[in-house]
Amino acid sequence: MQAEKKKHQAQDGPDVPHFDKDTTASAPEVNGKAPGQETTEQKTPEQDTPDLSQLQLKLDQTNDKLLRLQAEFDNYRKRTAKERLELILTASEDVIKGMLPVLDDCQRALRTLEKLENADPVSVEGVNLIYSKLLTYLQGRGLKIIEATGKPLDTDFHCAVAKTPVKEKKLKGKIVDVVLEGYTLNGKVIRFANVVVGE
């Protein structure tokens, strides 16, 4: 078999391809056209790609969704930070409110001891020390005493429990005595000051 191939190669010459006469005539068609013919129908870029306006619309919608999602996340982050801060403040508010009666008792004991003529100076100093330390601790946590004496009645901070006649005109409508101290915690009223107003 190889001998026949060598014989054919020797007759045709080296590396000369052997074609039949009808080879070009019966060549297979490419894309429905004969090899020598050019295709007149070519796909245009508009037919190959989706409509540009549709792509732009999809891009705009995706960007809009992304912006909304970012805004929602920012709002969520701010809301949770605010809620966490409020939780911390309200947790301390309950504890501090519970300590106010103790602070009131210390204040009453101190006033009573100071009025006594034969009060033991060590007792007065001890109660004063306890009252001062407790008040300082609570003030460090945001507690402030509501100033009342000599000020006009402000229903945002004061609660009038009584009226008393006054001789001086400048004291009319103003607070002349504080029955129970009022307090704010971090700017929020946690107990109104019970006051006596001059009339």
N, C-alpha and C. Protein backbone atom coordinates (compact mmCIF):
# COMPACT_ATOMS: atom_id res chain seq x y z
N MET A 1 0.81 -1.16 0.00
CA MET A 1 0.00 0.00 0.00
C MET A 1 0.87 1.24 0.00
N GLN A 2 1.87 1.22 0.82
CA GLN A 2 2.77 2.35 0.83
C GLN A 2 3.54 2.44 -0.49
N ALA A 3 3.74 1.32 -1.12
CA ALA A 3 4.44 1.32 -2.40
C ALA A 3 3.61 2.04 -3.44
N GLU A 4 2.28 1.88 -3.42
CA GLU A 4 1.42 2.56 -4.38
C GLU A 4 1.43 4.06 -4.14
N LYS A 5 1.43 4.48 -2.85
CA LYS A 5 1.44 5.91 -2.52
C LYS A 5 2.72 6.54 -3.05
N LYS A 6 3.84 5.83 -2.87
CA LYS A 6 5.11 6.36 -3.34
C LYS A 6 5.11 6.47 -4.86
N LYS A 7 4.46 5.54 -5.51
CA LYS A 7 4.39 5.55 -6.96
C LYS A 7 3.58 6.75 -7.43
N HIS A 8 2.46 7.03 -6.79
CA HIS A 8 1.65 8.18 -7.15
C HIS A 8 2.40 9.47 -6.89
N GLN A 9 3.14 9.55 -5.76
CA GLN A 9 3.89 10.76 -5.44
C GLN A 9 4.99 10.98 -6.48
N ALA A 10 5.59 9.91 -6.94
CA ALA A 10 6.65 10.04 -7.93
C ALA A 10 6.09 10.53 -9.24
N GLN A 11 4.88 10.14 -9.61
CA GLN A 11 4.28 10.57 -10.86
C GLN A 11 3.83 12.02 -10.77
N ASP A 12 3.25 12.42 -9.66
CA ASP A 12 2.71 13.79 -9.54
C ASP A 12 3.79 14.79 -9.15
N GLY A 13 4.83 14.38 -8.64
CA GLY A 13 5.86 15.28 -8.15
C GLY A 13 5.72 15.45 -6.64
N PRO A 14 6.77 15.94 -6.06
CA PRO A 14 6.74 16.03 -4.60
C PRO A 14 5.77 17.11 -4.13
N ASP A 15 5.06 16.81 -3.10
CA ASP A 15 4.14 17.72 -2.39
C ASP A 15 3.18 18.45 -3.30
N VAL A 16 2.74 17.85 -4.37
CA VAL A 16 1.73 18.47 -5.24
C VAL A 16 0.42 17.81 -4.92
N PRO A 17 -0.53 18.57 -4.52
CA PRO A 17 -1.81 17.95 -4.19
C PRO A 17 -2.49 17.44 -5.43
N HIS A 18 -3.22 16.38 -5.27
CA HIS A 18 -3.90 15.73 -6.37
C HIS A 18 -5.38 16.10 -6.31
N PHE A 19 -5.89 16.83 -7.36
CA PHE A 19 -7.29 17.24 -7.40
C PHE A 19 -7.96 16.61 -8.59
N ASP A 20 -9.21 16.27 -8.40
CA ASP A 20 -10.02 15.86 -9.53
C ASP A 20 -10.54 17.11 -10.21
N LYS A 21 -10.99 17.02 -11.40
CA LYS A 21 -11.48 18.17 -12.15
C LYS A 21 -12.75 18.73 -11.56
N ASP A 22 -13.59 17.93 -10.98
CA ASP A 22 -14.88 18.38 -10.47
C ASP A 22 -14.83 18.80 -9.00
N THR A 23 -13.66 18.86 -8.42
CA THR A 23 -13.55 19.15 -6.99
C THR A 23 -14.07 20.53 -6.66
N THR A 24 -13.70 21.55 -7.43
CA THR A 24 -14.14 22.91 -7.13
C THR A 24 -15.62 23.07 -7.40
N ALA A 25 -16.14 22.37 -8.33
CA ALA A 25 -17.55 22.51 -8.67
C ALA A 25 -18.44 21.92 -7.60
N SER A 26 -17.96 20.87 -6.95
CA SER A 26 -18.81 20.22 -5.96
C SER A 26 -18.37 20.57 -4.53
N ALA A 27 -17.74 21.73 -4.33
CA ALA A 27 -17.32 22.13 -2.98
C ALA A 27 -18.56 22.41 -2.14
N PRO A 28 -18.48 22.07 -0.90
CA PRO A 28 -19.65 22.29 -0.05
C PRO A 28 -19.95 23.77 0.09
N GLU A 29 -21.22 24.08 0.22
CA GLU A 29 -21.63 25.47 0.38
C GLU A 29 -21.41 25.90 1.82
N VAL A 30 -20.99 27.13 1.99
CA VAL A 30 -20.79 27.69 3.32
C VAL A 30 -21.90 28.70 3.55
N ASN A 31 -22.64 28.54 4.64
CA ASN A 31 -23.75 29.43 4.98
C ASN A 31 -24.75 29.55 3.83
N GLY A 32 -24.93 28.49 3.10
CA GLY A 32 -25.90 28.50 2.01
C GLY A 32 -25.39 29.15 0.75
N LYS A 33 -24.13 29.52 0.68
CA LYS A 33 -23.56 30.19 -0.49
C LYS A 33 -22.37 29.37 -0.96
N ALA A 34 -22.11 29.46 -2.23
CA ALA A 34 -20.94 28.79 -2.79
C ALA A 34 -19.70 29.54 -2.34
N PRO A 35 -18.52 28.89 -2.32
CA PRO A 35 -17.33 29.53 -1.78
C PRO A 35 -16.94 30.82 -2.49
N GLY A 36 -17.17 31.00 -3.72
CA GLY A 36 -16.73 32.20 -4.42
C GLY A 36 -17.66 33.38 -4.23
N GLN A 37 -18.82 33.17 -3.70
CA GLN A 37 -19.80 34.25 -3.57
C GLN A 37 -19.66 34.93 -2.21
N GLU A 38 -19.83 36.27 -2.21
CA GLU A 38 -19.78 37.00 -0.95
C GLU A 38 -21.17 37.05 -0.36
N THR A 39 -21.20 37.05 0.93
CA THR A 39 -22.51 37.12 1.58
C THR A 39 -22.92 38.58 1.65
N THR A 40 -24.10 38.87 1.20
CA THR A 40 -24.58 40.24 1.22
C THR A 40 -25.29 40.55 2.53
N GLU A 41 -25.79 39.52 3.20
CA GLU A 41 -26.47 39.74 4.47
C GLU A 41 -25.48 39.55 5.61
N GLN A 42 -25.12 40.62 6.27
CA GLN A 42 -24.30 40.54 7.47
C GLN A 42 -25.11 41.10 8.62
N LYS A 43 -24.88 40.52 9.79
CA LYS A 43 -25.63 41.00 10.95
C LYS A 43 -25.09 42.36 11.36
N THR A 44 -25.99 43.28 11.62
CA THR A 44 -25.59 44.62 12.05
C THR A 44 -25.41 44.62 13.56
N PRO A 45 -24.65 45.57 14.09
CA PRO A 45 -24.46 45.62 15.55
C PRO A 45 -25.78 45.77 16.30
N GLU A 46 -26.76 46.40 15.69
CA GLU A 46 -28.06 46.56 16.34
C GLU A 46 -28.76 45.22 16.53
N GLN A 47 -28.56 44.29 15.57
CA GLN A 47 -29.21 42.99 15.68
C GLN A 47 -28.49 42.09 16.69
N ASP A 48 -27.17 42.23 16.82
CA ASP A 48 -26.40 41.39 17.74
C ASP A 48 -26.60 41.78 19.20
N THR A 49 -26.73 43.06 19.51
CA THR A 49 -26.82 43.51 20.91
C THR A 49 -28.24 43.96 21.23
N PRO A 50 -28.64 43.82 22.50
CA PRO A 50 -29.95 44.30 22.90
C PRO A 50 -30.01 45.82 22.74
N ASP A 51 -31.19 46.33 22.75
CA ASP A 51 -31.41 47.76 22.57
C ASP A 51 -30.67 48.53 23.66
N LEU A 52 -29.95 49.58 23.29
CA LEU A 52 -29.16 50.38 24.23
C LEU A 52 -30.05 51.05 25.26
N SER A 53 -31.21 51.49 24.86
CA SER A 53 -32.12 52.14 25.81
C SER A 53 -32.60 51.16 26.87
N GLN A 54 -32.79 49.89 26.49
CA GLN A 54 -33.20 48.88 27.47
C GLN A 54 -32.08 48.62 28.48
N LEU A 55 -30.85 48.57 27.99
CA LEU A 55 -29.71 48.37 28.89
C LEU A 55 -29.57 49.55 29.85
N GLN A 56 -29.75 50.77 29.32
CA GLN A 56 -29.65 51.96 30.17
C GLN A 56 -30.75 51.96 31.23
N LEU A 57 -31.94 51.53 30.86
CA LEU A 57 -33.06 51.45 31.80
C LEU A 57 -32.75 50.45 32.91
N LYS A 58 -32.21 49.28 32.53
CA LYS A 58 -31.84 48.28 33.54
C LYS A 58 -30.75 48.80 34.46
N LEU A 59 -29.78 49.51 33.90
CA LEU A 59 -28.71 50.08 34.71
C LEU A 59 -29.26 51.11 35.69
N ASP A 60 -30.15 51.97 35.21
CA ASP A 60 -30.75 52.98 36.08
C ASP A 60 -31.55 52.34 37.20
N GLN A 61 -32.31 51.29 36.87
CA GLN A 61 -33.09 50.59 37.90
C GLN A 61 -32.18 49.94 38.94
N THR A 62 -31.10 49.34 38.49
CA THR A 62 -30.16 48.70 39.41
C THR A 62 -29.50 49.74 40.31
N ASN A 63 -29.10 50.87 39.73
CA ASN A 63 -28.50 51.95 40.53
C ASN A 63 -29.49 52.49 41.55
N ASP A 64 -30.75 52.63 41.14
CA ASP A 64 -31.79 53.12 42.05
C ASP A 64 -31.97 52.15 43.22
N LYS A 65 -32.01 50.86 42.92
CA LYS A 65 -32.14 49.85 43.98
C LYS A 65 -30.96 49.90 44.94
N LEU A 66 -29.77 50.08 44.38
CA LEU A 66 -28.57 50.15 45.20
C LEU A 66 -28.60 51.36 46.13
N LEU A 67 -28.99 52.52 45.59
CA LEU A 67 -29.06 53.73 46.41
C LEU A 67 -30.10 53.58 47.51
N ARG A 68 -31.24 52.99 47.19
CA ARG A 68 -32.27 52.78 48.21
C ARG A 68 -31.78 51.82 49.30
N LEU A 69 -31.10 50.79 48.89
CA LEU A 69 -30.57 49.82 49.85
C LEU A 69 -29.53 50.46 50.77
N GLN A 70 -28.68 51.30 50.20
CA GLN A 70 -27.69 52.01 51.02
C GLN A 70 -28.37 52.95 52.00
N ALA A 71 -29.40 53.66 51.55
CA ALA A 71 -30.13 54.58 52.43
C ALA A 71 -30.83 53.82 53.55
N GLU A 72 -31.43 52.68 53.22
CA GLU A 72 -32.10 51.87 54.24
C GLU A 72 -31.09 51.36 55.26
N PHE A 73 -29.91 50.96 54.80
CA PHE A 73 -28.89 50.46 55.73
C PHE A 73 -28.40 51.58 56.64
N ASP A 74 -28.19 52.78 56.07
CA ASP A 74 -27.76 53.92 56.90
C ASP A 74 -28.82 54.25 57.95
N ASN A 75 -30.08 54.25 57.55
CA ASN A 75 -31.17 54.52 58.50
C ASN A 75 -31.22 53.45 59.58
N TYR A 76 -31.04 52.20 59.19
CA TYR A 76 -31.03 51.10 60.16
C TYR A 76 -29.89 51.26 61.16
N ARG A 77 -28.71 51.60 60.65
CA ARG A 77 -27.55 51.77 61.52
C ARG A 77 -27.77 52.92 62.51
N LYS A 78 -28.30 54.05 62.02
CA LYS A 78 -28.57 55.19 62.89
C LYS A 78 -29.64 54.86 63.92
N ARG A 79 -30.69 54.16 63.48
CA ARG A 79 -31.78 53.81 64.39
C ARG A 79 -31.30 52.88 65.50
N THR A 80 -30.50 51.88 65.14
CA THR A 80 -30.02 50.94 66.17
C THR A 80 -29.04 51.62 67.12
N ALA A 81 -28.23 52.55 66.62
CA ALA A 81 -27.32 53.28 67.51
C ALA A 81 -28.11 54.15 68.48
N LYS A 82 -29.16 54.79 67.97
CA LYS A 82 -30.00 55.63 68.83
C LYS A 82 -30.73 54.77 69.88
N GLU A 83 -31.25 53.62 69.45
CA GLU A 83 -31.95 52.73 70.38
C GLU A 83 -31.00 52.20 71.45
N ARG A 84 -29.77 51.89 71.06
CA ARG A 84 -28.79 51.40 72.02
C ARG A 84 -28.47 52.48 73.06
N LEU A 85 -28.31 53.73 72.60
CA LEU A 85 -28.03 54.83 73.51
C LEU A 85 -29.20 55.06 74.45
N GLU A 86 -30.42 55.03 73.90
CA GLU A 86 -31.61 55.20 74.73
C GLU A 86 -31.73 54.08 75.76
N LEU A 87 -31.39 52.87 75.37
CA LEU A 87 -31.44 51.74 76.30
C LEU A 87 -30.47 51.94 77.46
N ILE A 88 -29.28 52.41 77.13
CA ILE A 88 -28.28 52.66 78.19
C ILE A 88 -28.78 53.75 79.12
N LEU A 89 -29.32 54.83 78.53
CA LEU A 89 -29.80 55.95 79.35
C LEU A 89 -31.00 55.55 80.20
N THR A 90 -31.94 54.80 79.63
CA THR A 90 -33.12 54.43 80.41
C THR A 90 -32.79 53.40 81.47
N ALA A 91 -31.81 52.55 81.22
CA ALA A 91 -31.41 51.58 82.25
C ALA A 91 -30.82 52.32 83.44
N SER A 92 -29.99 53.32 83.19
CA SER A 92 -29.43 54.09 84.30
C SER A 92 -30.49 54.98 84.93
N GLU A 93 -31.48 55.40 84.13
CA GLU A 93 -32.55 56.25 84.66
C GLU A 93 -33.32 55.54 85.76
N ASP A 94 -33.65 54.28 85.55
CA ASP A 94 -34.39 53.52 86.57
C ASP A 94 -33.60 53.40 87.86
N VAL A 95 -32.31 53.14 87.75
CA VAL A 95 -31.46 53.01 88.94
C VAL A 95 -31.38 54.35 89.67
N ILE A 96 -31.17 55.42 88.93
CA ILE A 96 -31.03 56.74 89.55
C ILE A 96 -32.35 57.18 90.18
N LYS A 97 -33.48 56.91 89.50
CA LYS A 97 -34.78 57.24 90.10
C LYS A 97 -34.97 56.51 91.42
N GLY A 98 -34.51 55.28 91.49
CA GLY A 98 -34.62 54.51 92.73
C GLY A 98 -33.75 55.06 93.85
N MET A 99 -32.70 55.79 93.50
CA MET A 99 -31.80 56.35 94.52
C MET A 99 -32.23 57.73 94.99
N LEU A 100 -33.17 58.36 94.29
CA LEU A 100 -33.61 59.71 94.68
C LEU A 100 -34.21 59.76 96.08
N PRO A 101 -35.05 58.80 96.49
CA PRO A 101 -35.57 58.85 97.87
C PRO A 101 -34.45 58.77 98.92
N VAL A 102 -33.40 58.03 98.64
CA VAL A 102 -32.26 57.96 99.57
C VAL A 102 -31.58 59.32 99.65
N LEU A 103 -31.42 59.96 98.49
CA LEU A 103 -30.83 61.30 98.44
C LEU A 103 -31.69 62.29 99.21
N ASP A 104 -33.03 62.19 99.05
CA ASP A 104 -33.95 63.06 99.79
C ASP A 104 -33.82 62.85 101.30
N ASP A 105 -33.74 61.59 101.73
CA ASP A 105 -33.61 61.29 103.16
C ASP A 105 -32.31 61.85 103.73
N CYS A 106 -31.24 61.73 102.99
CA CYS A 106 -29.97 62.30 103.44
C CYS A 106 -30.07 63.81 103.58
N GLN A 107 -30.74 64.44 102.62
CA GLN A 107 -30.90 65.89 102.65
C GLN A 107 -31.75 66.32 103.85
N ARG A 108 -32.84 65.60 104.12
CA ARG A 108 -33.70 65.91 105.27
C ARG A 108 -32.94 65.70 106.58
N ALA A 109 -32.20 64.61 106.67
CA ALA A 109 -31.43 64.35 107.89
C ALA A 109 -30.40 65.45 108.12
N LEU A 110 -29.76 65.89 107.07
CA LEU A 110 -28.76 66.96 107.19
C LEU A 110 -29.41 68.26 107.65
N ARG A 111 -30.55 68.62 107.09
CA ARG A 111 -31.26 69.84 107.50
C ARG A 111 -31.70 69.76 108.96
N THR A 112 -32.21 68.60 109.33
CA THR A 112 -32.67 68.42 110.71
C THR A 112 -31.50 68.53 111.69
N LEU A 113 -30.39 67.88 111.39
CA LEU A 113 -29.23 67.94 112.28
C LEU A 113 -28.66 69.35 112.38
N GLU A 114 -28.70 70.10 111.28
CA GLU A 114 -28.17 71.47 111.30
C GLU A 114 -29.04 72.39 112.14
N LYS A 115 -30.34 72.09 112.27
CA LYS A 115 -31.25 72.92 113.06
C LYS A 115 -31.14 72.63 114.56
N LEU A 116 -30.69 71.45 114.91
CA LEU A 116 -30.56 71.09 116.32
C LEU A 116 -29.40 71.84 116.96
N GLU A 117 -29.67 72.35 118.17
CA GLU A 117 -28.62 73.09 118.88
C GLU A 117 -27.57 72.16 119.46
N ASN A 118 -28.00 71.02 119.96
CA ASN A 118 -27.06 70.10 120.60
C ASN A 118 -26.68 68.92 119.69
N ALA A 119 -26.69 69.15 118.38
CA ALA A 119 -26.35 68.07 117.43
C ALA A 119 -24.87 67.76 117.51
N ASP A 120 -24.57 66.50 117.41
CA ASP A 120 -23.18 66.04 117.43
C ASP A 120 -22.51 66.45 116.12
N PRO A 121 -21.42 67.23 116.19
CA PRO A 121 -20.75 67.68 114.97
C PRO A 121 -20.24 66.52 114.10
N VAL A 122 -19.89 65.41 114.72
CA VAL A 122 -19.41 64.25 113.96
C VAL A 122 -20.56 63.66 113.15
N SER A 123 -21.77 63.62 113.74
CA SER A 123 -22.94 63.11 113.02
C SER A 123 -23.28 64.00 111.83
N VAL A 124 -23.24 65.31 112.07
CA VAL A 124 -23.54 66.26 110.99
C VAL A 124 -22.53 66.09 109.86
N GLU A 125 -21.27 65.98 110.23
CA GLU A 125 -20.22 65.81 109.22
C GLU A 125 -20.37 64.48 108.49
N GLY A 126 -20.74 63.42 109.19
CA GLY A 126 -20.92 62.10 108.56
C GLY A 126 -22.07 62.10 107.57
N VAL A 127 -23.22 62.66 107.97
CA VAL A 127 -24.38 62.72 107.06
C VAL A 127 -24.06 63.61 105.86
N ASN A 128 -23.38 64.72 106.12
CA ASN A 128 -23.01 65.63 105.03
C ASN A 128 -22.06 64.93 104.05
N LEU A 129 -21.14 64.14 104.56
CA LEU A 129 -20.20 63.41 103.71
C LEU A 129 -20.93 62.39 102.84
N ILE A 130 -21.86 61.64 103.44
CA ILE A 130 -22.64 60.64 102.68
C ILE A 130 -23.47 61.33 101.60
N TYR A 131 -24.16 62.42 101.99
CA TYR A 131 -24.99 63.16 101.04
C TYR A 131 -24.14 63.70 99.88
N SER A 132 -23.00 64.28 100.20
CA SER A 132 -22.13 64.86 99.16
C SER A 132 -21.61 63.80 98.20
N LYS A 133 -21.18 62.66 98.75
CA LYS A 133 -20.65 61.59 97.89
C LYS A 133 -21.74 61.02 96.98
N LEU A 134 -22.92 60.80 97.55
CA LEU A 134 -24.02 60.26 96.74
C LEU A 134 -24.42 61.24 95.64
N LEU A 135 -24.53 62.53 96.00
CA LEU A 135 -24.90 63.54 95.01
C LEU A 135 -23.83 63.67 93.93
N THR A 136 -22.57 63.65 94.31
CA THR A 136 -21.47 63.74 93.34
C THR A 136 -21.49 62.55 92.38
N TYR A 137 -21.72 61.37 92.94
CA TYR A 137 -21.79 60.17 92.10
C TYR A 137 -22.92 60.28 91.08
N LEU A 138 -24.10 60.68 91.55
CA LEU A 138 -25.25 60.78 90.65
C LEU A 138 -25.06 61.90 89.63
N GLN A 139 -24.44 62.99 90.03
CA GLN A 139 -24.17 64.08 89.08
C GLN A 139 -23.18 63.63 88.01
N GLY A 140 -22.27 62.76 88.38
CA GLY A 140 -21.34 62.21 87.39
C GLY A 140 -22.04 61.34 86.36
N ARG A 141 -23.23 60.85 86.69
CA ARG A 141 -24.03 60.03 85.77
C ARG A 141 -25.05 60.87 84.99
N GLY A 142 -24.99 62.21 85.15
CA GLY A 142 -25.86 63.09 84.37
C GLY A 142 -27.01 63.71 85.15
N LEU A 143 -27.07 63.50 86.45
CA LEU A 143 -28.14 64.06 87.28
C LEU A 143 -27.85 65.52 87.60
N LYS A 144 -28.88 66.37 87.49
CA LYS A 144 -28.75 67.79 87.85
C LYS A 144 -29.97 68.20 88.66
N ILE A 145 -29.73 69.04 89.66
CA ILE A 145 -30.82 69.57 90.47
C ILE A 145 -31.49 70.69 89.68
N ILE A 146 -32.81 70.70 89.68
CA ILE A 146 -33.54 71.77 89.01
C ILE A 146 -33.55 72.98 89.94
N GLU A 147 -32.99 74.08 89.45
CA GLU A 147 -32.97 75.31 90.24
C GLU A 147 -34.39 75.86 90.32
N ALA A 148 -34.81 76.25 91.51
CA ALA A 148 -36.19 76.68 91.65
C ALA A 148 -36.35 77.96 92.47
N THR A 149 -35.75 78.06 93.62
CA THR A 149 -35.98 79.18 94.53
C THR A 149 -35.64 80.51 93.86
N GLY A 150 -36.63 81.45 93.93
CA GLY A 150 -36.45 82.78 93.37
C GLY A 150 -36.72 82.86 91.87
N LYS A 151 -37.02 81.77 91.24
CA LYS A 151 -37.28 81.77 89.79
C LYS A 151 -38.78 81.76 89.53
N PRO A 152 -39.20 82.25 88.36
CA PRO A 152 -40.62 82.16 88.02
C PRO A 152 -41.03 80.70 87.81
N LEU A 153 -42.30 80.42 88.07
CA LEU A 153 -42.82 79.06 87.92
C LEU A 153 -42.75 78.64 86.44
N ASP A 154 -42.11 77.53 86.19
CA ASP A 154 -42.00 76.97 84.84
C ASP A 154 -42.56 75.55 84.92
N THR A 155 -43.72 75.35 84.30
CA THR A 155 -44.40 74.05 84.41
C THR A 155 -43.65 72.93 83.70
N ASP A 156 -42.62 73.27 82.93
CA ASP A 156 -41.79 72.23 82.32
C ASP A 156 -40.85 71.60 83.34
N PHE A 157 -40.62 72.32 84.46
CA PHE A 157 -39.69 71.83 85.48
C PHE A 157 -40.27 71.81 86.89
N HIS A 158 -41.30 72.64 87.13
CA HIS A 158 -41.82 72.80 88.48
C HIS A 158 -43.27 72.37 88.58
N CYS A 159 -43.64 71.92 89.77
CA CYS A 159 -45.03 71.58 90.07
C CYS A 159 -45.42 72.36 91.32
N ALA A 160 -46.36 73.30 91.17
CA ALA A 160 -46.79 74.12 92.31
C ALA A 160 -47.71 73.30 93.20
N VAL A 161 -47.31 73.13 94.46
CA VAL A 161 -48.13 72.36 95.40
C VAL A 161 -48.85 73.27 96.38
N ALA A 162 -48.42 74.53 96.44
CA ALA A 162 -49.08 75.49 97.34
C ALA A 162 -48.76 76.91 96.90
N LYS A 163 -49.62 77.83 97.39
CA LYS A 163 -49.38 79.26 97.18
C LYS A 163 -49.32 79.90 98.56
N THR A 164 -48.50 80.91 98.68
CA THR A 164 -48.38 81.61 99.95
C THR A 164 -48.33 83.11 99.70
N PRO A 165 -48.97 83.89 100.57
CA PRO A 165 -48.91 85.34 100.39
C PRO A 165 -47.49 85.87 100.68
N VAL A 166 -47.06 86.83 99.89
CA VAL A 166 -45.73 87.43 100.07
C VAL A 166 -45.88 88.94 100.18
N LYS A 167 -44.97 89.56 100.93
CA LYS A 167 -45.03 91.01 101.14
C LYS A 167 -44.37 91.75 99.98
N GLU A 168 -43.32 91.21 99.44
CA GLU A 168 -42.59 91.89 98.37
C GLU A 168 -43.23 91.59 97.01
N LYS A 169 -43.41 92.64 96.21
CA LYS A 169 -44.03 92.48 94.89
C LYS A 169 -43.15 91.66 93.94
N LYS A 170 -41.84 91.75 94.11
CA LYS A 170 -40.94 91.03 93.19
C LYS A 170 -41.03 89.52 93.36
N LEU A 171 -41.57 89.04 94.50
CA LEU A 171 -41.70 87.60 94.73
C LEU A 171 -43.03 87.03 94.25
N LYS A 172 -43.95 87.90 93.82
CA LYS A 172 -45.24 87.42 93.33
C LYS A 172 -45.04 86.64 92.02
N GLY A 173 -45.60 85.43 91.99
CA GLY A 173 -45.48 84.57 90.82
C GLY A 173 -44.15 83.83 90.76
N LYS A 174 -43.33 84.04 91.79
CA LYS A 174 -42.03 83.34 91.82
C LYS A 174 -42.04 82.28 92.92
N ILE A 175 -41.10 81.38 92.81
CA ILE A 175 -41.00 80.27 93.77
C ILE A 175 -40.31 80.78 95.03
N VAL A 176 -40.98 80.58 96.17
CA VAL A 176 -40.42 81.04 97.44
C VAL A 176 -39.88 79.89 98.28
N ASP A 177 -40.32 78.66 98.02
CA ASP A 177 -39.83 77.51 98.79
C ASP A 177 -39.91 76.24 97.93
N VAL A 178 -39.00 75.32 98.22
CA VAL A 178 -38.98 74.02 97.52
C VAL A 178 -39.33 72.95 98.54
N VAL A 179 -40.44 72.25 98.29
CA VAL A 179 -40.87 71.17 99.18
C VAL A 179 -40.08 69.90 98.87
N LEU A 180 -39.90 69.60 97.60
CA LEU A 180 -39.18 68.41 97.16
C LEU A 180 -38.35 68.77 95.93
N GLU A 181 -37.05 68.48 96.01
CA GLU A 181 -36.15 68.81 94.90
C GLU A 181 -36.56 68.09 93.62
N GLY A 182 -36.38 68.79 92.50
CA GLY A 182 -36.61 68.19 91.19
C GLY A 182 -35.27 67.92 90.52
N TYR A 183 -35.26 66.94 89.62
CA TYR A 183 -34.00 66.55 88.98
C TYR A 183 -34.20 66.31 87.49
N THR A 184 -33.12 66.57 86.76
CA THR A 184 -33.06 66.18 85.34
C THR A 184 -31.92 65.18 85.20
N LEU A 185 -32.09 64.28 84.25
CA LEU A 185 -31.04 63.30 83.94
C LEU A 185 -30.73 63.42 82.46
N ASN A 186 -29.53 63.87 82.16
CA ASN A 186 -29.09 64.09 80.77
C ASN A 186 -30.08 64.98 80.01
N GLY A 187 -30.55 66.04 80.69
CA GLY A 187 -31.45 67.00 80.06
C GLY A 187 -32.92 66.63 80.10
N LYS A 188 -33.26 65.45 80.58
CA LYS A 188 -34.66 65.01 80.64
C LYS A 188 -35.13 65.06 82.09
N VAL A 189 -36.31 65.65 82.30
CA VAL A 189 -36.85 65.74 83.66
C VAL A 189 -37.26 64.34 84.12
N ILE A 190 -36.68 63.92 85.25
CA ILE A 190 -37.08 62.62 85.82
C ILE A 190 -37.94 62.81 87.07
N ARG A 191 -37.89 64.03 87.65
CA ARG A 191 -38.81 64.36 88.74
C ARG A 191 -38.97 65.87 88.79
N PHE A 192 -40.22 66.32 88.78
CA PHE A 192 -40.51 67.74 88.85
C PHE A 192 -40.24 68.24 90.27
N ALA A 193 -39.83 69.50 90.37
CA ALA A 193 -39.62 70.10 91.69
C ALA A 193 -40.97 70.52 92.25
N ASN A 194 -41.29 70.06 93.45
CA ASN A 194 -42.53 70.48 94.13
C ASN A 194 -42.23 71.77 94.87
N VAL A 195 -42.96 72.83 94.49
CA VAL A 195 -42.61 74.17 94.97
C VAL A 195 -43.81 74.91 95.52
N VAL A 196 -43.49 75.96 96.30
CA VAL A 196 -44.50 76.89 96.82
C VAL A 196 -44.29 78.20 96.08
N VAL A 197 -45.39 78.76 95.55
CA VAL A 197 -45.32 79.97 94.74
C VAL A 197 -45.90 81.14 95.53
N GLY A 198 -45.25 82.28 95.44
CA GLY A 198 -45.72 83.49 96.13
C GLY A 198 -46.85 84.15 95.35
N GLU A 199 -47.82 84.72 96.15
CA GLU A 199 -48.92 85.45 95.49
C GLU A 199 -49.21 86.75 96.20
